């Protein structure tokens, strides 16, 4: 058994098992190649898919999945639409940006497929997962421009894709959450009202921020985080690329921000929630107790991940005012609800 050492925070056994398995699988890729290379991206995809097949619940029945092509910042992009099969007519819709450290990840990953389908069914919100461009070939602002262009295209094709344009929002996981938050800022500046933004374990500060950055790197596998950030930023000003450092947060879409207790990104995300609150933006901040950065995907092995899943779906359903059938309704919220703060003004 791989020794994780004795300096990790107190983690539940399923999380420890996942961390060991991650190290075990990653060790089989001795030379994954440089950041952004085809070899490295292929290795990241294979590792992600193997872990998801073992630790993430399969995609549920009752979700219609299809491929669409949407506009990007410099041309058409692939996207995948997840629509609850029980629904009819225009649906509230969230453009979803996957994780992957801005340099990796794809809508084709098993984890993305399973999570998006599950969230669409449980929340009643249609998800459109975007294959945005990746750094280093396409650093900031390219992925943000892709998200902004995709949102405009979703509005333009609302009838074709069954979108309620009055309830169109954006969301993302990890690096995708940074892209989503920055896209929300640009949409505000352009006078395009978004209904909501959902930011899951977001790198809200593209710089070291808070004690969590030093205390929880190893538990979340982020020893080299600064290097990845610089590849994405590519010299851009913090005020442009880092949501926390934007000059004005007033008038942004209401936000759901989900943070992991033992994530090095936690303090920056909590600070972003506070900054939005102080700017008069309605915010729900959910803290996953016992979680590390990637553990919300452990729904096949860990109750903590299922609590996170249910809290996320419940908050989306509330934010988008959807009607979810009893068969898809999240379970008893009592455990997760104690970890959620609602900040309103």
Protein backbone atom coordinates (compact mmCIF):
# COMPACT_ATOMS: atom_id res chain seq x y z
CA UNK A 1 0.00 0.00 0.00
CA UNK A 2 1.27 3.47 -0.90
CA UNK A 3 2.25 5.49 2.18
CA UNK A 4 0.61 8.92 2.16
CA UNK A 5 2.74 10.15 5.05
CA UNK A 6 1.60 11.58 8.35
CA UNK A 7 1.12 15.25 7.47
CA UNK A 8 -2.29 15.06 5.82
CA UNK A 9 -5.38 16.55 7.47
CA UNK A 10 -7.94 14.17 9.02
CA UNK A 11 -9.57 12.57 5.98
CA UNK A 12 -12.21 9.86 5.71
CA UNK A 13 -11.04 6.47 4.49
CA UNK A 14 -12.66 6.71 1.03
CA UNK A 15 -10.79 9.96 0.39
CA UNK A 16 -7.51 8.37 1.50
CA UNK A 17 -8.21 5.38 -0.74
CA UNK A 18 -8.77 7.70 -3.68
CA UNK A 19 -5.55 9.61 -2.98
CA UNK A 20 -3.59 6.35 -2.84
CA UNK A 21 -5.18 5.13 -6.05
CA UNK A 22 -4.39 8.44 -7.75
CA UNK A 23 -0.72 8.14 -6.82
CA UNK A 24 -0.65 4.49 -7.86
CA UNK A 25 -2.14 5.15 -11.29
CA UNK A 26 -0.10 8.30 -11.89
CA UNK A 27 3.12 6.41 -11.15
CA UNK A 28 2.55 4.27 -14.25
CA UNK A 29 3.07 7.39 -16.37
CA UNK A 30 6.76 8.00 -15.71
CA UNK A 31 7.19 10.71 -18.36
CA UNK A 32 3.86 12.33 -19.23
CA UNK A 33 5.53 15.02 -21.34
CA UNK A 34 5.45 18.82 -21.09
CA UNK A 35 2.38 20.79 -20.11
CA UNK A 36 -0.02 21.07 -23.03
CA UNK A 37 1.50 18.22 -25.01
CA UNK A 38 -0.70 15.58 -26.59
CA UNK A 39 1.06 12.89 -24.53
CA UNK A 40 0.39 14.66 -21.24
CA UNK A 41 -3.24 15.37 -22.08
CA UNK A 42 -3.79 11.77 -23.11
CA UNK A 43 -2.25 10.55 -19.83
CA UNK A 44 -4.41 12.98 -17.81
CA UNK A 45 -7.52 11.74 -19.63
CA UNK A 46 -6.68 8.09 -19.02
CA UNK A 47 -5.97 8.69 -15.33
CA UNK A 48 -9.17 10.70 -14.90
CA UNK A 49 -11.27 8.08 -16.66
CA UNK A 50 -9.83 5.21 -14.65
CA UNK A 51 -10.44 6.97 -11.34
CA UNK A 52 -13.95 8.06 -12.34
CA UNK A 53 -14.86 4.52 -13.38
CA UNK A 54 -13.93 3.36 -9.87
CA UNK A 55 -15.05 6.26 -7.68
CA UNK A 56 -17.92 8.11 -9.43
CA UNK A 57 -21.49 6.85 -9.74
CA UNK A 58 -22.53 6.06 -13.32
CA UNK A 59 -24.60 8.59 -15.21
CA UNK A 60 -28.27 8.15 -14.29
CA UNK A 61 -31.01 7.15 -16.68
CA UNK A 62 -33.51 9.81 -17.64
CA UNK A 63 -31.11 12.30 -19.23
CA UNK A 64 -31.02 13.07 -22.95
CA UNK A 65 -27.46 13.74 -24.15
CA UNK A 66 -26.57 15.13 -27.56
CA UNK A 67 -23.76 16.93 -29.34
CA UNK A 68 -24.16 20.49 -30.53
CA UNK A 69 -21.80 23.00 -32.10
CA UNK A 70 -21.64 26.48 -30.60
CA UNK A 71 -19.71 29.62 -31.41
CA UNK A 72 -16.37 30.17 -29.71
CA UNK A 73 -14.07 33.14 -29.55
CA UNK A 74 -12.38 32.27 -32.84
CA UNK A 75 -14.62 29.67 -34.42
CA UNK A 76 -17.07 26.85 -33.70
CA UNK A 77 -16.60 24.60 -30.70
CA UNK A 78 -18.00 21.24 -29.65
CA UNK A 79 -20.45 21.15 -26.79
CA UNK A 80 -22.53 18.46 -25.11
CA UNK A 81 -26.07 19.09 -23.94
CA UNK A 82 -27.57 17.29 -20.93
CA UNK A 83 -31.36 17.65 -20.75
CA UNK A 84 -33.69 15.97 -18.24
CA UNK A 85 -35.85 13.59 -20.26
CA UNK A 86 -38.97 14.39 -18.24
CA UNK A 87 -38.79 18.09 -19.17
CA UNK A 88 -40.49 19.86 -22.04
CA UNK A 89 -40.32 23.32 -23.52
CA UNK A 90 -37.63 25.92 -22.81
CA UNK A 91 -35.51 25.02 -19.79
CA UNK A 92 -33.26 27.01 -17.51
CA UNK A 93 -29.78 26.36 -18.85
CA UNK A 94 -26.25 26.57 -17.48
CA UNK A 95 -23.15 26.76 -19.67
CA UNK A 96 -20.68 24.45 -17.93
CA UNK A 97 -16.87 24.72 -18.03
CA UNK A 98 -14.97 21.56 -17.05
CA UNK A 99 -11.87 21.45 -14.84
CA UNK A 100 -8.33 20.49 -15.78
CA UNK A 101 -5.98 23.27 -14.73
CA UNK A 102 -6.64 25.32 -17.90
CA UNK A 103 -4.25 23.03 -19.81
CA UNK A 104 -6.10 19.70 -19.73
CA UNK A 105 -9.60 18.29 -19.52
CA UNK A 106 -12.34 17.65 -22.04
CA UNK A 107 -16.09 17.27 -22.21
CA UNK A 108 -15.45 13.62 -23.16
CA UNK A 109 -14.05 12.62 -19.75
CA UNK A 110 -16.09 10.03 -17.88
CA UNK A 111 -16.17 12.27 -14.81
CA UNK A 112 -17.62 15.19 -16.76
CA UNK A 113 -20.21 12.96 -18.43
CA UNK A 114 -21.37 11.42 -15.17
CA UNK A 115 -21.43 14.60 -13.12
CA UNK A 116 -23.20 16.71 -15.77
CA UNK A 117 -25.89 14.09 -16.37
CA UNK A 118 -26.49 13.66 -12.65
CA UNK A 119 -26.73 17.40 -11.99
CA UNK A 120 -29.08 17.96 -14.90
CA UNK A 121 -31.45 15.26 -13.67
CA UNK A 122 -31.36 16.23 -9.99
CA UNK A 123 -31.63 19.98 -10.51
CA UNK A 124 -33.92 20.17 -13.53
CA UNK A 125 -31.41 22.53 -15.18
CA UNK A 126 -30.18 21.83 -18.69
CA UNK A 127 -26.37 21.78 -18.85
CA UNK A 128 -24.32 22.61 -21.94
CA UNK A 129 -20.72 21.50 -21.40
CA UNK A 130 -18.27 23.45 -23.58
CA UNK A 131 -15.04 22.17 -25.16
CA UNK A 132 -13.23 25.46 -24.64
CA UNK A 133 -9.70 26.11 -25.87
CA UNK A 134 -6.77 25.19 -23.62
CA UNK A 135 -3.48 26.81 -22.63
CA UNK A 136 -0.61 27.05 -23.40
CA UNK A 137 -1.73 27.23 -27.04
CA UNK A 138 -4.70 29.38 -26.04
CA UNK A 139 -4.04 31.18 -22.74
CA UNK A 140 -6.21 33.85 -21.13
CA UNK A 141 -8.41 35.39 -22.39
CA UNK A 142 -9.13 32.73 -25.04
CA UNK A 143 -11.19 30.36 -22.82
CA UNK A 144 -13.16 33.31 -21.43
CA UNK A 145 -13.86 34.59 -24.93
CA UNK A 146 -15.07 31.08 -25.81
CA UNK A 147 -17.49 31.11 -22.88
CA UNK A 148 -18.80 34.59 -23.72
CA UNK A 149 -19.29 33.66 -27.39
CA UNK A 150 -21.00 30.41 -26.42
CA UNK A 151 -23.42 32.26 -24.14
CA UNK A 152 -24.33 34.60 -27.00
CA UNK A 153 -24.87 31.61 -29.29
CA UNK A 154 -27.09 29.89 -26.72
CA UNK A 155 -29.23 33.01 -26.65
CA UNK A 156 -29.33 33.13 -30.45
CA UNK A 157 -30.40 29.47 -30.73
CA UNK A 158 -32.66 29.37 -27.68
CA UNK A 159 -35.65 28.01 -29.60
CA UNK A 160 -33.61 25.29 -31.30
CA UNK A 161 -31.91 24.10 -28.11
CA UNK A 162 -34.84 24.55 -25.72
CA UNK A 163 -33.33 27.35 -23.64
CA UNK A 164 -35.17 29.77 -21.41
CA UNK A 165 -33.00 32.82 -22.07
CA UNK A 166 -34.36 34.55 -18.96
CA UNK A 167 -32.78 31.74 -16.93
CA UNK A 168 -29.40 31.35 -18.63
CA UNK A 169 -26.40 31.00 -16.34
CA UNK A 170 -22.81 29.84 -16.25
CA UNK A 171 -20.85 27.47 -14.04
CA UNK A 172 -17.65 25.52 -13.82
CA UNK A 173 -15.40 23.26 -11.82
CA UNK A 174 -11.92 24.30 -10.67
CA UNK A 175 -10.16 26.02 -13.60
CA UNK A 176 -13.52 26.08 -15.36
CA UNK A 177 -14.95 27.98 -12.40
CA UNK A 178 -12.36 30.72 -12.88
CA UNK A 179 -13.36 30.95 -16.54
CA UNK A 180 -17.04 31.03 -15.55
CA UNK A 181 -16.51 33.78 -12.97
CA UNK A 182 -14.51 35.90 -15.42
CA UNK A 183 -17.12 35.35 -18.12
CA UNK A 184 -19.78 36.53 -15.66
CA UNK A 185 -17.78 39.72 -15.09
CA UNK A 186 -17.54 40.33 -18.83
CA UNK A 187 -21.22 39.61 -19.35
CA UNK A 188 -22.03 42.19 -16.67
CA UNK A 189 -19.76 44.73 -18.37
CA UNK A 190 -21.45 44.09 -21.73
CA UNK A 191 -24.92 44.58 -20.26
CA UNK A 192 -25.92 40.92 -20.68
CA UNK A 193 -27.74 39.76 -17.57
CA UNK A 194 -26.96 36.22 -16.44
CA UNK A 195 -29.41 34.45 -14.18
CA UNK A 196 -26.83 32.70 -11.99
CA UNK A 197 -23.22 31.54 -11.63
CA UNK A 198 -22.13 28.29 -9.96
CA UNK A 199 -18.45 28.13 -8.98
CA UNK A 200 -17.22 24.75 -7.75
CA UNK A 201 -13.82 24.72 -5.94
CA UNK A 202 -12.82 27.88 -7.85
CA UNK A 203 -9.29 29.31 -8.10
CA UNK A 204 -10.77 32.74 -7.43
CA UNK A 205 -7.38 34.33 -6.69
CA UNK A 206 -4.74 33.67 -9.33
CA UNK A 207 -2.03 34.25 -6.75
CA UNK A 208 -1.14 32.66 -3.40
CA UNK A 209 -3.86 33.63 -0.97
CA UNK A 210 -4.52 32.72 2.67
CA UNK A 211 -3.27 30.02 4.97
CA UNK A 212 -5.05 27.26 3.09
CA UNK A 213 -2.63 27.65 0.17
CA UNK A 214 0.30 26.57 2.34
CA UNK A 215 -1.48 24.03 4.53
CA UNK A 216 -3.37 21.86 2.04
CA UNK A 217 -1.34 21.64 -1.15
CA UNK A 218 -0.33 17.99 -0.81
CA UNK A 219 -3.77 16.71 0.11
CA UNK A 220 -5.11 18.18 -3.12
CA UNK A 221 -2.06 17.52 -5.31
CA UNK A 222 -1.27 21.18 -6.00
CA UNK A 223 2.42 21.45 -5.24
CA UNK A 224 3.06 23.12 -8.62
CA UNK A 225 -0.05 25.26 -8.81
CA UNK A 226 1.70 28.58 -9.45
CA UNK A 227 3.34 27.28 -12.61
CA UNK A 228 -0.01 26.26 -14.10
CA UNK A 229 -1.52 29.61 -13.18
CA UNK A 230 1.25 31.47 -15.00
CA UNK A 231 0.72 29.35 -18.11
CA UNK A 232 -2.95 30.35 -18.10
CA UNK A 233 -2.42 34.04 -17.23
CA UNK A 234 0.38 34.47 -19.78
CA UNK A 235 1.28 37.85 -18.32
CA UNK A 236 -2.26 39.22 -18.12
CA UNK A 237 -3.04 41.67 -15.33
CA UNK A 238 -4.53 40.16 -12.18
CA UNK A 239 -7.42 42.63 -12.39
CA UNK A 240 -8.38 41.08 -15.73
CA UNK A 241 -7.75 37.36 -15.14
CA UNK A 242 -8.24 36.85 -11.39
CA UNK A 243 -11.90 37.16 -10.29
CA UNK A 244 -10.97 38.19 -6.74
CA UNK A 245 -8.83 41.03 -8.08
CA UNK A 246 -11.42 42.51 -10.45
CA UNK A 247 -11.95 46.21 -9.81
CA UNK A 248 -15.74 46.09 -9.45
CA UNK A 249 -18.03 43.23 -8.41
CA UNK A 250 -21.30 45.12 -8.30
CA UNK A 251 -24.20 43.92 -10.44
CA UNK A 252 -22.93 40.38 -10.95
CA UNK A 253 -25.23 37.40 -11.23
CA UNK A 254 -26.20 35.66 -7.97
CA UNK A 255 -23.58 33.08 -7.08
CA UNK A 256 -23.28 29.61 -5.60
CA UNK A 257 -19.70 29.03 -4.45
CA UNK A 258 -18.69 25.57 -3.26
CA UNK A 259 -15.39 25.12 -1.42
CA UNK A 260 -13.58 22.11 0.04
CA UNK A 261 -12.37 22.28 3.64
CA UNK A 262 -8.89 20.97 2.84
CA UNK A 263 -8.40 22.66 -0.52
CA UNK A 264 -5.50 25.13 -0.90
CA UNK A 265 -7.91 27.26 -2.96
CA UNK A 266 -10.43 27.50 -0.11
CA UNK A 267 -9.43 30.85 1.39
CA UNK A 268 -9.41 32.61 -1.97
CA UNK A 269 -12.86 31.28 -2.80
CA UNK A 270 -14.26 32.29 0.60
CA UNK A 271 -12.77 35.74 0.12
CA UNK A 272 -14.46 35.95 -3.26
CA UNK A 273 -17.80 35.06 -1.71
CA UNK A 274 -17.28 37.83 0.84
CA UNK A 275 -16.32 40.32 -1.88
CA UNK A 276 -19.48 39.52 -3.82
CA UNK A 277 -21.57 39.85 -0.68
CA UNK A 278 -20.03 43.22 0.11
CA UNK A 279 -20.84 44.35 -3.45
CA UNK A 280 -24.51 43.49 -2.93
CA UNK A 281 -24.49 40.23 -4.90
CA UNK A 282 -26.63 37.38 -3.46
CA UNK A 283 -24.27 34.53 -2.52
CA UNK A 284 -24.64 30.99 -1.23
CA UNK A 285 -21.37 29.60 0.16
CA UNK A 286 -21.21 25.83 0.67
CA UNK A 287 -18.26 24.28 2.49
CA UNK A 288 -17.68 20.56 2.02
CA UNK A 289 -16.39 19.35 5.38
CA UNK A 290 -13.65 16.74 4.98
CA UNK A 291 -13.27 17.40 1.27
CA UNK A 292 -10.10 17.98 -0.73
CA UNK A 293 -10.08 19.65 -4.14
CA UNK A 294 -11.11 16.65 -6.22
CA UNK A 295 -13.12 14.58 -3.77
CA UNK A 296 -16.64 15.81 -4.75
CA UNK A 297 -16.46 13.21 -7.53
CA UNK A 298 -16.27 10.25 -5.12
CA UNK A 299 -20.01 9.60 -5.17
CA UNK A 300 -19.67 5.83 -5.63
CA UNK A 301 -17.56 5.44 -2.48
CA UNK A 302 -18.22 8.26 -0.03
CA UNK A 303 -21.26 9.78 1.66
CA UNK A 304 -19.50 13.14 1.87
CA UNK A 305 -19.40 13.34 -1.92
CA UNK A 306 -23.07 12.38 -2.14
CA UNK A 307 -23.89 15.15 0.36
CA UNK A 308 -22.01 17.61 -1.84
CA UNK A 309 -23.84 16.32 -4.93
CA UNK A 310 -27.23 16.75 -3.27
CA UNK A 311 -26.43 20.21 -1.90
CA UNK A 312 -25.25 21.36 -5.34
CA UNK A 313 -28.37 20.05 -7.08
CA UNK A 314 -30.68 21.50 -4.43
CA UNK A 315 -29.09 24.94 -4.69
CA UNK A 316 -29.31 24.88 -8.50
CA UNK A 317 -32.98 23.88 -8.37
CA UNK A 318 -33.66 26.76 -5.98
CA UNK A 319 -31.63 29.28 -7.97
CA UNK A 320 -33.29 28.40 -11.28
CA UNK A 321 -36.76 27.77 -9.78
CA UNK A 322 -37.14 24.35 -11.39
CA UNK A 323 -39.62 21.59 -10.76
CA UNK A 324 -37.82 18.33 -10.08
CA UNK A 325 -39.76 15.03 -10.10
CA UNK A 326 -39.74 13.06 -6.87
CA UNK A 327 -37.63 10.31 -8.45
CA UNK A 328 -34.82 12.80 -9.11
CA UNK A 329 -35.17 14.86 -5.93
CA UNK A 330 -32.03 14.92 -3.74
CA UNK A 331 -32.11 12.98 -0.51
CA UNK A 332 -32.59 14.34 3.00
CA UNK A 333 -30.61 17.60 3.09
CA UNK A 334 -30.09 17.70 6.84
CA UNK A 335 -26.37 16.80 6.81
CA UNK A 336 -25.30 19.04 3.94
CA UNK A 337 -27.53 21.93 4.94
CA UNK A 338 -25.49 22.60 8.06
CA UNK A 339 -22.52 23.37 5.82
CA UNK A 340 -24.27 26.01 3.72
CA UNK A 341 -24.39 29.75 4.38
CA UNK A 342 -26.72 32.05 2.49
CA UNK A 343 -25.59 35.65 2.28
CA UNK A 344 -28.24 38.04 1.02
CA UNK A 345 -28.52 41.79 0.80
